[in-house]
N, C-alpha and C. Protein backbone atom coordinates (compact mmCIF):
# COMPACT_ATOMS: atom_id res chain seq x y z
N UNK A 1 104.89 127.65 131.95
CA UNK A 1 105.25 128.72 131.03
C UNK A 1 104.04 129.65 130.89
N UNK A 2 104.26 130.93 131.04
CA UNK A 2 103.14 131.88 130.91
C UNK A 2 102.51 131.85 129.51
N UNK A 3 101.25 132.25 129.45
CA UNK A 3 100.53 132.20 128.18
C UNK A 3 101.14 133.09 127.12
N UNK A 4 101.59 134.30 127.50
CA UNK A 4 102.17 135.20 126.50
C UNK A 4 103.41 134.61 125.86
N UNK A 5 104.21 133.94 126.64
CA UNK A 5 105.43 133.32 126.10
C UNK A 5 105.04 132.20 125.14
N UNK A 6 104.04 131.41 125.50
CA UNK A 6 103.60 130.32 124.64
C UNK A 6 103.04 130.86 123.33
N UNK A 7 102.19 131.87 123.41
CA UNK A 7 101.63 132.47 122.19
C UNK A 7 102.74 133.09 121.35
N UNK A 8 103.69 133.73 121.99
CA UNK A 8 104.81 134.33 121.27
C UNK A 8 105.63 133.30 120.51
N UNK A 9 105.90 132.17 121.15
CA UNK A 9 106.68 131.11 120.49
C UNK A 9 105.90 130.53 119.31
N UNK A 10 104.59 130.35 119.47
CA UNK A 10 103.77 129.85 118.36
C UNK A 10 103.79 130.83 117.20
N UNK A 11 103.69 132.13 117.49
CA UNK A 11 103.73 133.13 116.42
C UNK A 11 105.09 133.15 115.71
N UNK A 12 106.15 132.99 116.46
CA UNK A 12 107.49 132.95 115.85
C UNK A 12 107.59 131.75 114.91
N UNK A 13 107.08 130.60 115.34
CA UNK A 13 107.12 129.41 114.49
C UNK A 13 106.26 129.57 113.24
N UNK A 14 105.07 130.17 113.38
CA UNK A 14 104.21 130.39 112.22
C UNK A 14 104.82 131.39 111.24
N UNK A 15 105.43 132.45 111.76
CA UNK A 15 106.08 133.42 110.89
C UNK A 15 107.27 132.82 110.15
N UNK A 16 108.03 131.98 110.84
CA UNK A 16 109.16 131.31 110.19
C UNK A 16 108.65 130.35 109.12
N UNK A 17 107.55 129.67 109.40
CA UNK A 17 106.96 128.78 108.39
C UNK A 17 106.50 129.57 107.17
N UNK A 18 106.08 130.81 107.37
CA UNK A 18 105.70 131.66 106.25
C UNK A 18 106.86 131.97 105.33
N UNK A 19 108.07 132.03 105.88
CA UNK A 19 109.26 132.24 105.04
C UNK A 19 109.67 130.95 104.33
N UNK A 20 109.57 129.84 105.02
CA UNK A 20 110.02 128.57 104.47
C UNK A 20 109.07 128.07 103.39
N UNK A 21 107.76 128.21 103.63
CA UNK A 21 106.74 127.75 102.67
C UNK A 21 105.91 128.97 102.26
N UNK A 22 106.35 129.72 101.26
CA UNK A 22 105.64 130.96 100.91
C UNK A 22 104.33 130.74 100.16
N UNK A 23 104.12 129.54 99.61
CA UNK A 23 102.88 129.25 98.88
C UNK A 23 102.24 127.99 99.41
N UNK A 24 100.92 128.02 99.55
CA UNK A 24 100.19 126.84 100.00
C UNK A 24 99.18 126.50 98.91
N UNK A 25 99.27 125.29 98.38
CA UNK A 25 98.36 124.83 97.34
C UNK A 25 97.30 123.94 97.97
N UNK A 26 96.05 124.16 97.58
CA UNK A 26 94.97 123.31 98.07
C UNK A 26 93.96 123.06 96.95
N UNK A 27 93.28 121.93 97.04
CA UNK A 27 92.29 121.54 96.05
C UNK A 27 90.96 121.33 96.76
N UNK A 28 89.91 121.92 96.20
CA UNK A 28 88.58 121.76 96.76
C UNK A 28 87.65 121.19 95.69
N UNK A 29 86.68 120.41 96.14
CA UNK A 29 85.67 119.88 95.22
C UNK A 29 84.42 120.71 95.37
N UNK A 30 83.87 121.12 94.25
CA UNK A 30 82.71 121.98 94.23
C UNK A 30 81.63 121.36 93.37
N UNK A 31 80.40 121.38 93.84
CA UNK A 31 79.29 120.87 93.04
C UNK A 31 78.87 121.94 92.04
N UNK A 32 78.99 121.62 90.75
CA UNK A 32 78.68 122.58 89.70
C UNK A 32 77.20 122.48 89.32
N UNK A 33 76.72 121.25 89.12
CA UNK A 33 75.33 121.03 88.74
C UNK A 33 74.74 120.00 89.69
N UNK A 34 73.57 120.32 90.23
CA UNK A 34 72.86 119.39 91.09
C UNK A 34 71.40 119.36 90.64
N UNK A 35 71.13 118.47 89.70
CA UNK A 35 69.78 118.36 89.13
C UNK A 35 69.22 116.99 89.44
N UNK A 36 68.55 116.87 90.57
CA UNK A 36 67.96 115.59 90.96
C UNK A 36 69.02 114.54 91.19
N UNK A 37 68.93 113.41 90.49
CA UNK A 37 69.91 112.33 90.70
C UNK A 37 71.25 112.60 90.02
N UNK A 38 71.31 113.62 89.18
CA UNK A 38 72.56 113.94 88.47
C UNK A 38 73.30 115.03 89.24
N UNK A 39 74.55 114.73 89.54
CA UNK A 39 75.38 115.69 90.26
C UNK A 39 76.75 115.76 89.58
N UNK A 40 77.18 116.94 89.22
CA UNK A 40 78.46 117.14 88.56
C UNK A 40 79.35 117.94 89.51
N UNK A 41 80.52 117.39 89.78
CA UNK A 41 81.48 118.05 90.65
C UNK A 41 82.73 118.41 89.88
N UNK A 42 83.37 119.48 90.30
CA UNK A 42 84.60 119.92 89.66
C UNK A 42 85.63 120.22 90.74
N UNK A 43 86.88 119.88 90.44
CA UNK A 43 87.97 120.20 91.36
C UNK A 43 88.51 121.58 91.02
N UNK A 44 88.73 122.36 92.06
CA UNK A 44 89.26 123.70 91.86
C UNK A 44 90.54 123.82 92.68
N UNK A 45 91.61 124.21 92.01
CA UNK A 45 92.90 124.38 92.69
C UNK A 45 93.10 125.84 93.05
N UNK A 46 93.56 126.06 94.25
CA UNK A 46 93.82 127.42 94.73
C UNK A 46 95.21 127.49 95.32
N UNK A 47 95.83 128.63 95.15
CA UNK A 47 97.14 128.88 95.73
C UNK A 47 97.05 130.10 96.63
N UNK A 48 97.45 129.93 97.87
CA UNK A 48 97.48 131.03 98.82
C UNK A 48 98.94 131.44 99.01
N UNK A 49 99.23 132.71 98.78
CA UNK A 49 100.59 133.21 98.92
C UNK A 49 100.71 133.99 100.23
N UNK A 50 101.74 133.70 101.00
CA UNK A 50 101.99 134.40 102.26
C UNK A 50 102.97 135.53 101.97
N UNK A 51 102.56 136.79 102.10
CA UNK A 51 103.47 137.90 101.85
C UNK A 51 104.60 137.94 102.88
N UNK A 52 105.77 138.36 102.45
CA UNK A 52 106.92 138.45 103.36
C UNK A 52 106.65 139.45 104.49
N UNK A 53 105.93 140.52 104.17
CA UNK A 53 105.63 141.53 105.20
C UNK A 53 104.79 140.92 106.31
N UNK A 54 103.85 140.06 105.96
CA UNK A 54 103.02 139.41 106.97
C UNK A 54 103.86 138.47 107.84
N UNK A 55 104.77 137.74 107.22
CA UNK A 55 105.63 136.83 107.98
C UNK A 55 106.52 137.62 108.95
N UNK A 56 107.06 138.74 108.49
CA UNK A 56 107.89 139.58 109.37
C UNK A 56 107.05 140.13 110.52
N UNK A 57 105.83 140.57 110.23
CA UNK A 57 104.96 141.11 111.27
C UNK A 57 104.62 140.05 112.32
N UNK A 58 104.37 138.83 111.88
CA UNK A 58 104.03 137.75 112.82
C UNK A 58 105.23 137.39 113.68
N UNK A 59 106.42 137.31 113.08
CA UNK A 59 107.63 137.02 113.86
C UNK A 59 107.90 138.14 114.86
N UNK A 60 107.74 139.39 114.43
CA UNK A 60 107.97 140.53 115.33
C UNK A 60 106.99 140.51 116.50
N UNK A 61 105.73 140.25 116.21
CA UNK A 61 104.73 140.17 117.28
C UNK A 61 105.06 139.03 118.24
N UNK A 62 105.54 137.92 117.71
CA UNK A 62 105.93 136.80 118.56
C UNK A 62 107.09 137.13 119.47
N UNK A 63 108.07 137.83 118.94
CA UNK A 63 109.23 138.23 119.75
C UNK A 63 108.80 139.19 120.85
N UNK A 64 107.95 140.16 120.50
CA UNK A 64 107.47 141.13 121.50
C UNK A 64 106.69 140.43 122.60
N UNK A 65 105.79 139.53 122.23
CA UNK A 65 105.01 138.82 123.24
C UNK A 65 105.89 137.94 124.12
N UNK A 66 106.89 137.32 123.53
CA UNK A 66 107.80 136.48 124.32
C UNK A 66 108.58 137.33 125.32
N UNK A 67 109.06 138.48 124.89
CA UNK A 67 109.82 139.36 125.80
C UNK A 67 108.92 139.90 126.91
N UNK A 68 107.72 140.34 126.55
CA UNK A 68 106.80 140.87 127.56
C UNK A 68 106.40 139.79 128.54
N UNK A 69 106.11 138.60 128.04
CA UNK A 69 105.73 137.50 128.93
C UNK A 69 106.85 137.09 129.85
N UNK A 70 108.08 137.09 129.35
CA UNK A 70 109.22 136.71 130.19
C UNK A 70 109.52 137.80 131.23
N UNK A 71 109.36 139.06 130.86
CA UNK A 71 109.66 140.14 131.81
C UNK A 71 108.60 140.22 132.92
N UNK A 72 107.36 139.83 132.62
CA UNK A 72 106.32 139.81 133.67
C UNK A 72 106.60 138.72 134.68
N UNK A 73 107.20 137.66 134.25
CA UNK A 73 107.48 136.53 135.14
C UNK A 73 108.60 136.85 136.11
N UNK A 74 109.58 137.61 135.65
CA UNK A 74 110.75 137.90 136.47
C UNK A 74 110.50 138.90 137.56
């Protein structure tokens, strides 16, 4: 399978995942105080939102790459 077709399919899958899972929650641990033997850590929660426009753009780019890759092969 040509590389453009493979990249296009991956982009289509990622764009579709952006529609299915519009928010990604993650937790990170951060060192707040580091004073010699004493170390204080805090958990910080973050939410990353995937805009619908970005998901549409990624799916569109994937479709274009898949079509271009398939037409070069033929």
